[in-house]
C-alpha atoms as a PDB file:
ATOM      1  CA  MET A   1      84.161  45.396 133.982  1.00  0.00           C
ATOM      2  CA  SER A   2      83.543  41.595 134.013  1.00  0.00           C
ATOM      3  CA  ASN A   3      86.340  39.038 133.131  1.00  0.00           C
ATOM      4  CA  GLU A   4      84.566  38.004 129.820  1.00  0.00           C
ATOM      5  CA  SER A   5      84.464  41.589 128.685  1.00  0.00           C
ATOM      6  CA  VAL A   6      88.028  42.255 129.239  1.00  0.00           C
ATOM      7  CA  GLN A   7      88.836  38.785 127.366  1.00  0.00           C
ATOM      8  CA  SER A   8      87.156  39.776 124.804  1.00  0.00           C
ATOM      9  CA  GLN A   9      88.468  43.293 124.149  1.00  0.00           C
ATOM     10  CA  VAL A  10      91.923  41.674 124.665  1.00  0.00           C
ATOM     11  CA  ARG A  11      91.188  39.497 121.646  1.00  0.00           C
ATOM     12  CA  GLY A  12      90.110  42.120 119.992  1.00  0.00           C
ATOM     13  CA  HIS A  13      93.160  44.059 120.673  1.00  0.00           C
ATOM     14  CA  PHE A  14      95.652  40.915 120.074  1.00  0.00           C
ATOM     15  CA  ARG A  15      93.768  40.748 116.419  1.00  0.00           C
ATOM     16  CA  ILE A  16      94.099  43.777 115.447  1.00  0.00           C
ATOM     17  CA  PHE A  17      97.691  43.875 116.442  1.00  0.00           C
ATOM     18  CA  LEU A  18      98.168  40.796 114.489  1.00  0.00           C
ATOM     19  CA  GLY A  19      96.692  42.289 111.352  1.00  0.00           C
ATOM     20  CA  VAL A  20      99.176  45.288 112.024  1.00  0.00           C
ATOM     21  CA  LEU A  21     102.076  42.530 112.326  1.00  0.00           C
ATOM     22  CA  ALA A  22     101.157  40.880 109.187  1.00  0.00           C
ATOM     23  CA  LEU A  23     100.735  44.302 107.160  1.00  0.00           C
ATOM     24  CA  ALA A  24     104.136  45.215 108.437  1.00  0.00           C
ATOM     25  CA  VAL A  25     105.267  41.701 106.745  1.00  0.00           C
ATOM     26  CA  VAL A  26     103.438  42.072 103.697  1.00  0.00           C
ATOM     27  CA  SER A  27     105.289  45.664 103.210  1.00  0.00           C
ATOM     28  CA  GLY A  28     108.928  43.932 103.893  1.00  0.00           C
ATOM     29  CA  VAL A  29     108.425  41.530 101.886  1.00  0.00           C
ATOM     30  CA  ALA A  30     107.296  43.399  99.171  1.00  0.00           C
ATOM     31  CA  THR A  31     110.383  45.616  98.963  1.00  0.00           C
ATOM     32  CA  ILE A  32     112.713  42.880  98.802  1.00  0.00           C
ATOM     33  CA  VAL A  33     110.945  41.022  96.387  1.00  0.00           C
ATOM     34  CA  SER A  34     109.829  44.005  93.784  1.00  0.00           C
ATOM     35  CA  ASP A  35     112.018  45.507  91.055  1.00  0.00           C
ATOM     36  CA  GLY A  36     109.243  48.437  90.116  1.00  0.00           C
ATOM     37  CA  PRO A  37     108.090  51.804  91.642  1.00  0.00           C
ATOM     38  CA  LEU A  38     107.486  50.423  95.475  1.00  0.00           C
ATOM     39  CA  ILE A  39     106.159  53.928  97.222  1.00  0.00           C
ATOM     40  CA  PRO A  40     102.268  53.769  96.522  1.00  0.00           C
ATOM     41  CA  VAL A  41     101.820  50.164  97.760  1.00  0.00           C
ATOM     42  CA  VAL A  42     104.180  51.212 100.775  1.00  0.00           C
ATOM     43  CA  LEU A  43     101.843  53.873 101.123  1.00  0.00           C
ATOM     44  CA  ILE A  44      98.942  52.407 101.183  1.00  0.00           C
ATOM     45  CA  ILE A  45      99.813  49.745 103.504  1.00  0.00           C
ATOM     46  CA  ALA A  46     101.070  51.842 105.885  1.00  0.00           C
ATOM     47  CA  ALA A  47      97.484  53.727 105.411  1.00  0.00           C
ATOM     48  CA  VAL A  48      95.939  50.697 106.015  1.00  0.00           C
ATOM     49  CA  GLN A  49      97.884  50.034 109.686  1.00  0.00           C
ATOM     50  CA  ALA A  50      97.369  53.829 110.441  1.00  0.00           C
ATOM     51  CA  THR A  51      93.993  53.306 110.258  1.00  0.00           C
ATOM     52  CA  LEU A  52      93.667  50.121 112.308  1.00  0.00           C
ATOM     53  CA  VAL A  53      95.352  51.587 114.762  1.00  0.00           C
ATOM     54  CA  LEU A  54      93.654  54.643 114.795  1.00  0.00           C
ATOM     55  CA  ALA A  55      90.230  53.286 114.712  1.00  0.00           C
ATOM     56  CA  PHE A  56      90.747  50.230 117.199  1.00  0.00           C
ATOM     57  CA  LEU A  57      93.614  50.660 119.623  1.00  0.00           C
ATOM     58  CA  MET A  58      92.932  54.550 120.175  1.00  0.00           C
ATOM     59  CA  HIS A  59      89.458  53.993 120.034  1.00  0.00           C
ATOM     60  CA  ALA A  60      88.741  57.120 117.428  1.00  0.00           C
ATOM     61  CA  LYS A  61      85.931  55.267 115.849  1.00  0.00           C
ATOM     62  CA  SER A  62      83.860  55.981 118.977  1.00  0.00           C
ATOM     63  CA  GLU A  63      84.504  59.406 118.834  1.00  0.00           C
ATOM     64  CA  GLY A  64      81.984  62.456 118.396  1.00  0.00           C
ATOM     65  CA  SER A  65      81.850  64.120 114.365  1.00  0.00           C
ATOM     66  CA  TRP A  66      83.721  66.769 115.252  1.00  0.00           C
ATOM     67  CA  VAL A  67      86.689  64.570 115.898  1.00  0.00           C
ATOM     68  CA  ARG A  68      86.250  61.805 112.995  1.00  0.00           C
ATOM     69  CA  GLY A  69      85.781  65.263 110.775  1.00  0.00           C
ATOM     70  CA  THR A  70      88.625  66.467 111.826  1.00  0.00           C
ATOM     71  CA  LEU A  71      90.830  62.633 111.310  1.00  0.00           C
ATOM     72  CA  ALA A  72      89.016  62.469 107.778  1.00  0.00           C
ATOM     73  CA  PHE A  73      90.319  65.807 106.678  1.00  0.00           C
ATOM     74  CA  CYS A  74      93.889  65.087 108.319  1.00  0.00           C
ATOM     75  CA  GLY A  75      93.695  61.714 105.646  1.00  0.00           C
ATOM     76  CA  VAL A  76      92.665  63.859 103.081  1.00  0.00           C
ATOM     77  CA  PHE A  77      95.296  66.183 103.087  1.00  0.00           C
ATOM     78  CA  LEU A  78      97.832  63.266 103.592  1.00  0.00           C
ATOM     79  CA  ILE A  79      96.609  62.041 100.681  1.00  0.00           C
ATOM     80  CA  VAL A  80      97.407  65.011  98.590  1.00  0.00           C
ATOM     81  CA  LEU A  81     100.987  64.897 100.278  1.00  0.00           C
ATOM     82  CA  PHE A  82     101.433  61.628  99.467  1.00  0.00           C
ATOM     83  CA  SER A  83     100.360  62.135  95.474  1.00  0.00           C
ATOM     84  CA  ILE A  84     102.331  64.977  95.325  1.00  0.00           C
ATOM     85  CA  ALA A  85     105.287  62.842  96.336  1.00  0.00           C
ATOM     86  CA  VAL A  86     104.797  60.164  94.034  1.00  0.00           C
ATOM     87  CA  LEU A  87     104.273  62.711  91.282  1.00  0.00           C
ATOM     88  CA  ALA A  88     107.298  64.672  91.861  1.00  0.00           C
ATOM     89  CA  GLN A  89     109.462  61.128  91.881  1.00  0.00           C
ATOM     90  CA  SER A  90     108.034  60.420  88.113  1.00  0.00           C
ATOM     91  CA  ASP A  91     108.284  64.002  86.840  1.00  0.00           C
ATOM     92  CA  ARG A  92     112.134  64.081  85.502  1.00  0.00           C
ATOM     93  CA  ILE A  93     113.698  66.850  83.370  1.00  0.00           C
ATOM     94  CA  GLU A  94     114.902  65.679  80.075  1.00  0.00           C
ATOM     95  CA  GLY A  95     118.881  65.137  79.445  1.00  0.00           C
ATOM     96  CA  THR A  96     119.520  65.352  83.449  1.00  0.00           C
ATOM     97  CA  GLU A  97     119.252  61.662  83.840  1.00  0.00           C
ATOM     98  CA  SER A  98     123.560  60.831  83.598  1.00  0.00           C
ATOM     99  CA  ILE A  99     124.099  64.247  85.423  1.00  0.00           C
ATOM    100  CA  SER A 100     126.083  63.096  88.964  1.00  0.00           C
ATOM    101  CA  ALA A 101     126.786  64.867  91.952  1.00  0.00           C
ATOM    102  CA  PRO A 102     130.804  65.488  92.326  1.00  0.00           C
ATOM    103  CA  ALA A 103     132.134  63.103  94.657  1.00  0.00           C
ATOM    104  CA  ALA A 104     132.954  64.049  98.460  1.00  0.00           C
ATOM    105  CA  ALA A 105     136.698  62.853  97.702  1.00  0.00           C
ATOM    106  CA  ASP A 106     136.863  65.783  94.743  1.00  0.00           C
ATOM    107  CA  GLU A 107     135.833  68.332  96.719  1.00  0.00           C
ATOM    108  CA  ALA A 108     138.202  67.935 100.051  1.00  0.00           C
ATOM    109  CA  GLU A 109     141.166  67.914  97.442  1.00  0.00           C
ATOM    110  CA  GLU A 110     140.130  71.472  96.563  1.00  0.00           C
ATOM    111  CA  HIS A 111     140.444  72.863  99.982  1.00  0.00           C
END
């Protein structure tokens, strides 16, 4: 490999690193600033970060179709699982909002 080729690859990897770092900062700022439900936003940012790392730093974009198909299946499966988690958080049983777990101190006094 020539010196120019190595420098080009290092610059590309550095750009991906900066992109992942910027997305981490955006995710952190979003958690500090936001008052609303944040799980979908953070999961989307994490998915973009994982895609960048997988495609460029782990060189999955240059793999064969079998590897890319397996990764795509795993990505779809993850999206389904994330969707179930988000939907489960929004599914509440009516009348249970005010029920709280007993304090640990109360349980310790009973024993």
